[in-house]
Amino acid sequence: MAIELRYDQQFKYLLAQVNGYLSFEDVQNFMVLVLTSDEIPSDADTLWDITNMEFDNIDLDLQTKIIEMRKKFDDQRGNAKIAIVSDYQLGEVLVKLFLVLTEDIKQDVNAFKTREEAMLWFAQS
């Protein structure tokens, strides 16, 4: 799986580090794992660090599929905040598109250039 997970007990957030190519199946497996885990709260804030992600396969179709699947888990994710961290300038347009597509889900989703910025945003709640 292209996603490495780590739940931070101290700061109560889930780190999802993406390495290489991200597939629909990776995201779907991630959601199932989070929602069935005894160790990770289903409404945990999640920091998606995509600084090591390859963007070659990311298009509107894939993003739309991910959002449609993601909507099915909306209630279970509750009031979780979702931070996307990327410093890849060429991927910025795709991240912005993803933010627009997430307007139909309940969780707050935002993009940041660094993990530190995302952590400050988590702490504001």
N, C-alpha and C. Protein backbone atom coordinates (compact mmCIF):
# COMPACT_ATOMS: atom_id res chain seq x y z
N MET A 1 0.84 -1.18 0.00
CA MET A 1 0.00 0.00 0.00
C MET A 1 0.90 1.25 0.00
N ALA A 2 0.53 2.23 -0.74
CA ALA A 2 1.30 3.46 -0.87
C ALA A 2 1.14 4.37 0.34
N ILE A 3 0.26 4.01 1.27
CA ILE A 3 -0.03 4.85 2.43
C ILE A 3 0.54 4.20 3.70
N GLU A 4 1.42 4.94 4.38
CA GLU A 4 1.91 4.50 5.68
C GLU A 4 1.12 5.24 6.74
N LEU A 5 0.60 4.50 7.73
CA LEU A 5 -0.24 5.10 8.77
C LEU A 5 0.48 5.13 10.11
N ARG A 6 0.22 6.18 10.86
CA ARG A 6 0.69 6.25 12.24
C ARG A 6 -0.26 7.15 13.02
N TYR A 7 -0.82 6.61 14.09
CA TYR A 7 -1.69 7.41 14.95
C TYR A 7 -0.87 7.98 16.09
N ASP A 8 -0.89 9.29 16.23
CA ASP A 8 -0.14 9.97 17.28
C ASP A 8 -1.05 10.11 18.51
N GLN A 9 -0.77 9.30 19.53
CA GLN A 9 -1.58 9.30 20.76
C GLN A 9 -1.51 10.64 21.48
N GLN A 10 -0.32 11.26 21.49
CA GLN A 10 -0.14 12.50 22.22
C GLN A 10 -0.98 13.63 21.64
N PHE A 11 -0.91 13.80 20.31
CA PHE A 11 -1.60 14.91 19.68
C PHE A 11 -2.93 14.51 19.05
N LYS A 12 -3.26 13.23 19.14
CA LYS A 12 -4.57 12.71 18.70
C LYS A 12 -4.87 13.00 17.24
N TYR A 13 -3.93 12.65 16.37
CA TYR A 13 -4.19 12.77 14.94
C TYR A 13 -3.56 11.59 14.21
N LEU A 14 -4.07 11.33 13.03
CA LEU A 14 -3.59 10.24 12.20
C LEU A 14 -2.72 10.82 11.10
N LEU A 15 -1.51 10.29 10.95
CA LEU A 15 -0.62 10.69 9.86
C LEU A 15 -0.72 9.64 8.77
N ALA A 16 -1.07 10.08 7.58
CA ALA A 16 -1.12 9.22 6.40
C ALA A 16 -0.05 9.73 5.43
N GLN A 17 1.07 9.03 5.38
CA GLN A 17 2.20 9.41 4.52
C GLN A 17 2.08 8.64 3.21
N VAL A 18 1.93 9.37 2.10
CA VAL A 18 1.80 8.73 0.79
C VAL A 18 3.16 8.74 0.10
N ASN A 19 3.56 7.56 -0.36
CA ASN A 19 4.83 7.42 -1.07
C ASN A 19 4.56 6.79 -2.43
N GLY A 20 5.03 7.42 -3.48
CA GLY A 20 4.84 6.88 -4.83
C GLY A 20 3.44 7.17 -5.35
N TYR A 21 2.91 6.19 -6.06
CA TYR A 21 1.60 6.36 -6.71
C TYR A 21 0.47 5.98 -5.76
N LEU A 22 -0.57 6.80 -5.75
CA LEU A 22 -1.75 6.55 -4.94
C LEU A 22 -2.86 6.03 -5.85
N SER A 23 -3.48 4.94 -5.44
CA SER A 23 -4.58 4.37 -6.22
C SER A 23 -5.89 4.51 -5.45
N PHE A 24 -6.96 4.33 -6.16
CA PHE A 24 -8.29 4.32 -5.54
C PHE A 24 -8.35 3.24 -4.46
N GLU A 25 -7.80 2.07 -4.77
CA GLU A 25 -7.82 0.95 -3.82
C GLU A 25 -7.04 1.29 -2.55
N ASP A 26 -5.94 2.03 -2.68
CA ASP A 26 -5.18 2.46 -1.51
C ASP A 26 -6.05 3.29 -0.57
N VAL A 27 -6.77 4.24 -1.13
CA VAL A 27 -7.61 5.13 -0.32
C VAL A 27 -8.77 4.34 0.29
N GLN A 28 -9.36 3.46 -0.49
CA GLN A 28 -10.47 2.65 0.01
C GLN A 28 -10.00 1.75 1.16
N ASN A 29 -8.85 1.11 1.00
CA ASN A 29 -8.31 0.27 2.07
C ASN A 29 -7.98 1.09 3.31
N PHE A 30 -7.47 2.29 3.11
CA PHE A 30 -7.19 3.20 4.22
C PHE A 30 -8.47 3.48 5.01
N MET A 31 -9.54 3.83 4.30
CA MET A 31 -10.80 4.16 4.97
C MET A 31 -11.32 2.98 5.77
N VAL A 32 -11.29 1.81 5.19
CA VAL A 32 -11.78 0.61 5.89
C VAL A 32 -10.93 0.36 7.13
N LEU A 33 -9.62 0.48 6.99
CA LEU A 33 -8.73 0.26 8.12
C LEU A 33 -9.01 1.24 9.25
N VAL A 34 -9.14 2.50 8.94
CA VAL A 34 -9.39 3.52 9.96
C VAL A 34 -10.73 3.28 10.65
N LEU A 35 -11.74 2.95 9.87
CA LEU A 35 -13.08 2.81 10.44
C LEU A 35 -13.30 1.50 11.18
N THR A 36 -12.40 0.54 11.01
CA THR A 36 -12.54 -0.73 11.72
C THR A 36 -11.48 -0.91 12.80
N SER A 37 -10.59 0.04 12.95
CA SER A 37 -9.50 -0.07 13.91
C SER A 37 -9.99 0.16 15.34
N ASP A 38 -9.44 -0.62 16.27
CA ASP A 38 -9.71 -0.41 17.68
C ASP A 38 -8.77 0.64 18.27
N GLU A 39 -7.71 0.97 17.56
CA GLU A 39 -6.69 1.88 18.07
C GLU A 39 -6.81 3.30 17.54
N ILE A 40 -7.55 3.48 16.44
CA ILE A 40 -7.67 4.80 15.82
C ILE A 40 -9.13 5.24 15.90
N PRO A 41 -9.41 6.38 16.55
CA PRO A 41 -10.78 6.88 16.55
C PRO A 41 -11.25 7.19 15.12
N SER A 42 -12.46 6.81 14.79
CA SER A 42 -12.95 7.02 13.42
C SER A 42 -13.06 8.49 13.05
N ASP A 43 -13.13 9.37 14.06
CA ASP A 43 -13.24 10.80 13.78
C ASP A 43 -11.92 11.54 14.03
N ALA A 44 -10.81 10.80 13.98
CA ALA A 44 -9.49 11.41 14.21
C ALA A 44 -9.15 12.40 13.09
N ASP A 45 -8.60 13.54 13.49
CA ASP A 45 -8.05 14.46 12.49
C ASP A 45 -6.98 13.70 11.71
N THR A 46 -6.90 13.97 10.41
CA THR A 46 -5.95 13.23 9.57
C THR A 46 -5.09 14.19 8.77
N LEU A 47 -3.79 13.96 8.86
CA LEU A 47 -2.83 14.74 8.10
C LEU A 47 -2.33 13.85 6.96
N TRP A 48 -2.71 14.21 5.74
CA TRP A 48 -2.26 13.51 4.53
C TRP A 48 -0.99 14.20 4.05
N ASP A 49 0.16 13.57 4.26
CA ASP A 49 1.41 14.12 3.78
C ASP A 49 1.70 13.52 2.41
N ILE A 50 1.52 14.33 1.37
CA ILE A 50 1.70 13.84 0.00
C ILE A 50 2.96 14.43 -0.64
N THR A 51 3.90 14.85 0.20
CA THR A 51 5.12 15.44 -0.34
C THR A 51 5.95 14.43 -1.13
N ASN A 52 5.79 13.14 -0.88
CA ASN A 52 6.52 12.10 -1.62
C ASN A 52 5.63 11.35 -2.60
N MET A 53 4.48 11.90 -2.90
CA MET A 53 3.54 11.25 -3.81
C MET A 53 3.86 11.61 -5.26
N GLU A 54 3.68 10.64 -6.14
CA GLU A 54 3.78 10.88 -7.59
C GLU A 54 2.40 11.36 -8.07
N PHE A 55 2.37 12.39 -8.88
CA PHE A 55 1.11 12.97 -9.33
C PHE A 55 0.70 12.53 -10.74
N ASP A 56 1.53 11.71 -11.40
CA ASP A 56 1.30 11.34 -12.80
C ASP A 56 -0.08 10.72 -13.05
N ASN A 57 -0.59 9.94 -12.09
CA ASN A 57 -1.85 9.23 -12.29
C ASN A 57 -3.05 9.95 -11.69
N ILE A 58 -2.84 11.11 -11.10
CA ILE A 58 -3.93 11.84 -10.45
C ILE A 58 -4.65 12.69 -11.49
N ASP A 59 -5.92 12.38 -11.70
CA ASP A 59 -6.73 13.16 -12.64
C ASP A 59 -8.11 13.38 -12.03
N LEU A 60 -8.97 14.07 -12.76
CA LEU A 60 -10.32 14.39 -12.26
C LEU A 60 -11.11 13.12 -11.99
N ASP A 61 -10.99 12.12 -12.85
CA ASP A 61 -11.73 10.87 -12.68
C ASP A 61 -11.35 10.19 -11.37
N LEU A 62 -10.07 10.07 -11.09
CA LEU A 62 -9.62 9.42 -9.85
C LEU A 62 -10.08 10.22 -8.63
N GLN A 63 -9.94 11.53 -8.69
CA GLN A 63 -10.34 12.36 -7.56
C GLN A 63 -11.85 12.26 -7.32
N THR A 64 -12.63 12.25 -8.38
CA THR A 64 -14.08 12.13 -8.25
C THR A 64 -14.46 10.78 -7.64
N LYS A 65 -13.81 9.71 -8.09
CA LYS A 65 -14.07 8.38 -7.53
C LYS A 65 -13.75 8.33 -6.03
N ILE A 66 -12.64 8.94 -5.66
CA ILE A 66 -12.25 8.95 -4.24
C ILE A 66 -13.29 9.72 -3.42
N ILE A 67 -13.72 10.86 -3.90
CA ILE A 67 -14.71 11.67 -3.16
C ILE A 67 -16.04 10.93 -3.05
N GLU A 68 -16.49 10.31 -4.12
CA GLU A 68 -17.76 9.56 -4.07
C GLU A 68 -17.68 8.42 -3.06
N MET A 69 -16.56 7.70 -3.04
CA MET A 69 -16.38 6.63 -2.06
C MET A 69 -16.32 7.23 -0.66
N ARG A 70 -15.62 8.33 -0.52
CA ARG A 70 -15.42 8.99 0.76
C ARG A 70 -16.73 9.47 1.38
N LYS A 71 -17.67 9.89 0.54
CA LYS A 71 -18.98 10.36 1.02
C LYS A 71 -19.73 9.26 1.78
N LYS A 72 -19.49 8.02 1.44
CA LYS A 72 -20.16 6.90 2.10
C LYS A 72 -19.75 6.79 3.57
N PHE A 73 -18.60 7.36 3.91
CA PHE A 73 -18.09 7.27 5.28
C PHE A 73 -18.20 8.60 6.03
N ASP A 74 -18.97 9.51 5.48
CA ASP A 74 -19.07 10.86 6.02
C ASP A 74 -19.48 10.88 7.49
N ASP A 75 -20.56 10.19 7.82
CA ASP A 75 -21.06 10.20 9.19
C ASP A 75 -20.06 9.57 10.16
N GLN A 76 -19.41 8.50 9.75
CA GLN A 76 -18.45 7.82 10.62
C GLN A 76 -17.22 8.67 10.90
N ARG A 77 -16.86 9.52 9.96
CA ARG A 77 -15.68 10.38 10.16
C ARG A 77 -16.01 11.60 11.02
N GLY A 78 -17.29 11.87 11.24
CA GLY A 78 -17.69 12.93 12.17
C GLY A 78 -17.10 14.28 11.84
N ASN A 79 -16.56 14.93 12.88
CA ASN A 79 -16.03 16.29 12.74
C ASN A 79 -14.52 16.32 12.52
N ALA A 80 -13.97 15.25 12.00
CA ALA A 80 -12.53 15.20 11.77
C ALA A 80 -12.10 16.31 10.82
N LYS A 81 -10.94 16.87 11.09
CA LYS A 81 -10.32 17.80 10.16
C LYS A 81 -9.37 16.99 9.28
N ILE A 82 -9.27 17.38 8.02
CA ILE A 82 -8.39 16.70 7.09
C ILE A 82 -7.44 17.74 6.50
N ALA A 83 -6.15 17.54 6.76
CA ALA A 83 -5.12 18.44 6.24
C ALA A 83 -4.32 17.71 5.16
N ILE A 84 -4.12 18.39 4.05
CA ILE A 84 -3.30 17.85 2.96
C ILE A 84 -2.03 18.69 2.91
N VAL A 85 -0.89 18.02 3.04
CA VAL A 85 0.39 18.72 3.04
C VAL A 85 1.16 18.36 1.77
N SER A 86 1.48 19.41 1.00
CA SER A 86 2.24 19.22 -0.22
C SER A 86 3.00 20.50 -0.53
N ASP A 87 4.27 20.34 -0.84
CA ASP A 87 5.06 21.49 -1.25
C ASP A 87 5.42 21.42 -2.74
N TYR A 88 4.76 20.51 -3.44
CA TYR A 88 5.03 20.29 -4.87
C TYR A 88 4.23 21.29 -5.69
N GLN A 89 4.89 22.26 -6.25
CA GLN A 89 4.21 23.35 -6.94
C GLN A 89 3.37 22.88 -8.13
N LEU A 90 3.87 21.91 -8.89
CA LEU A 90 3.11 21.43 -10.05
C LEU A 90 1.86 20.66 -9.63
N GLY A 91 1.84 20.13 -8.43
CA GLY A 91 0.67 19.41 -7.93
C GLY A 91 -0.35 20.31 -7.26
N GLU A 92 -0.01 21.58 -7.11
CA GLU A 92 -0.89 22.52 -6.41
C GLU A 92 -2.27 22.63 -7.05
N VAL A 93 -2.34 22.62 -8.36
CA VAL A 93 -3.63 22.71 -9.06
C VAL A 93 -4.50 21.49 -8.74
N LEU A 94 -3.89 20.31 -8.69
CA LEU A 94 -4.64 19.10 -8.38
C LEU A 94 -5.12 19.10 -6.93
N VAL A 95 -4.32 19.62 -6.03
CA VAL A 95 -4.74 19.73 -4.62
C VAL A 95 -5.91 20.70 -4.51
N LYS A 96 -5.83 21.84 -5.20
CA LYS A 96 -6.94 22.81 -5.17
C LYS A 96 -8.21 22.21 -5.74
N LEU A 97 -8.09 21.44 -6.82
CA LEU A 97 -9.25 20.77 -7.40
C LEU A 97 -9.86 19.81 -6.37
N PHE A 98 -9.01 19.06 -5.68
CA PHE A 98 -9.50 18.13 -4.66
C PHE A 98 -10.25 18.88 -3.56
N LEU A 99 -9.74 20.03 -3.15
CA LEU A 99 -10.42 20.83 -2.12
C LEU A 99 -11.80 21.25 -2.59
N VAL A 100 -11.93 21.63 -3.84
CA VAL A 100 -13.24 22.01 -4.38
C VAL A 100 -14.18 20.81 -4.36
N LEU A 101 -13.67 19.65 -4.74
CA LEU A 101 -14.51 18.44 -4.78
C LEU A 101 -14.95 18.00 -3.38
N THR A 102 -14.19 18.35 -2.35
CA THR A 102 -14.54 17.92 -0.99
C THR A 102 -15.59 18.81 -0.33
N GLU A 103 -16.08 19.80 -1.03
CA GLU A 103 -17.08 20.68 -0.44
C GLU A 103 -18.36 19.95 -0.05
N ASP A 104 -18.60 18.77 -0.61
CA ASP A 104 -19.81 18.01 -0.30
C ASP A 104 -19.65 17.06 0.89
N ILE A 105 -18.48 17.02 1.51
CA ILE A 105 -18.33 16.18 2.69
C ILE A 105 -18.38 17.06 3.94
N LYS A 106 -18.69 16.43 5.07
CA LYS A 106 -18.89 17.17 6.31
C LYS A 106 -17.60 17.69 6.93
N GLN A 107 -16.51 17.01 6.72
CA GLN A 107 -15.27 17.36 7.37
C GLN A 107 -14.63 18.60 6.74
N ASP A 108 -13.94 19.36 7.59
CA ASP A 108 -13.16 20.50 7.09
C ASP A 108 -11.90 19.95 6.43
N VAL A 109 -11.62 20.41 5.22
CA VAL A 109 -10.44 19.97 4.48
C VAL A 109 -9.66 21.22 4.07
N ASN A 110 -8.35 21.18 4.31
CA ASN A 110 -7.53 22.33 3.98
C ASN A 110 -6.16 21.85 3.50
N ALA A 111 -5.47 22.69 2.75
CA ALA A 111 -4.14 22.34 2.22
C ALA A 111 -3.09 23.25 2.83
N PHE A 112 -1.91 22.66 3.06
CA PHE A 112 -0.80 23.37 3.68
C PHE A 112 0.51 22.99 2.99
N LYS A 113 1.51 23.83 3.15
CA LYS A 113 2.83 23.56 2.58
C LYS A 113 3.70 22.74 3.55
N THR A 114 3.41 22.81 4.87
CA THR A 114 4.21 22.10 5.86
C THR A 114 3.33 21.38 6.87
N ARG A 115 3.90 20.37 7.50
CA ARG A 115 3.19 19.66 8.57
C ARG A 115 2.92 20.59 9.75
N GLU A 116 3.86 21.48 10.03
CA GLU A 116 3.71 22.40 11.15
C GLU A 116 2.47 23.27 10.99
N GLU A 117 2.24 23.78 9.78
CA GLU A 117 1.05 24.59 9.51
C GLU A 117 -0.22 23.78 9.74
N ALA A 118 -0.20 22.53 9.29
CA ALA A 118 -1.37 21.66 9.48
C ALA A 118 -1.62 21.38 10.96
N MET A 119 -0.56 21.14 11.72
CA MET A 119 -0.70 20.87 13.14
C MET A 119 -1.26 22.08 13.89
N LEU A 120 -0.85 23.27 13.50
CA LEU A 120 -1.41 24.49 14.10
C LEU A 120 -2.90 24.60 13.82
N TRP A 121 -3.29 24.24 12.61
CA TRP A 121 -4.71 24.27 12.24
C TRP A 121 -5.50 23.25 13.07
N PHE A 122 -4.95 22.05 13.26
CA PHE A 122 -5.61 21.06 14.11
C PHE A 122 -5.81 21.60 15.52
N ALA A 123 -4.80 22.30 16.04
CA ALA A 123 -4.84 22.78 17.42
C ALA A 123 -5.85 23.91 17.63
N GLN A 124 -6.31 24.53 16.56
CA GLN A 124 -7.25 25.63 16.68
C GLN A 124 -8.64 25.20 17.09
N SER A 125 -8.92 23.91 17.06
CA SER A 125 -10.28 23.49 17.41
C SER A 125 -10.41 23.19 18.88
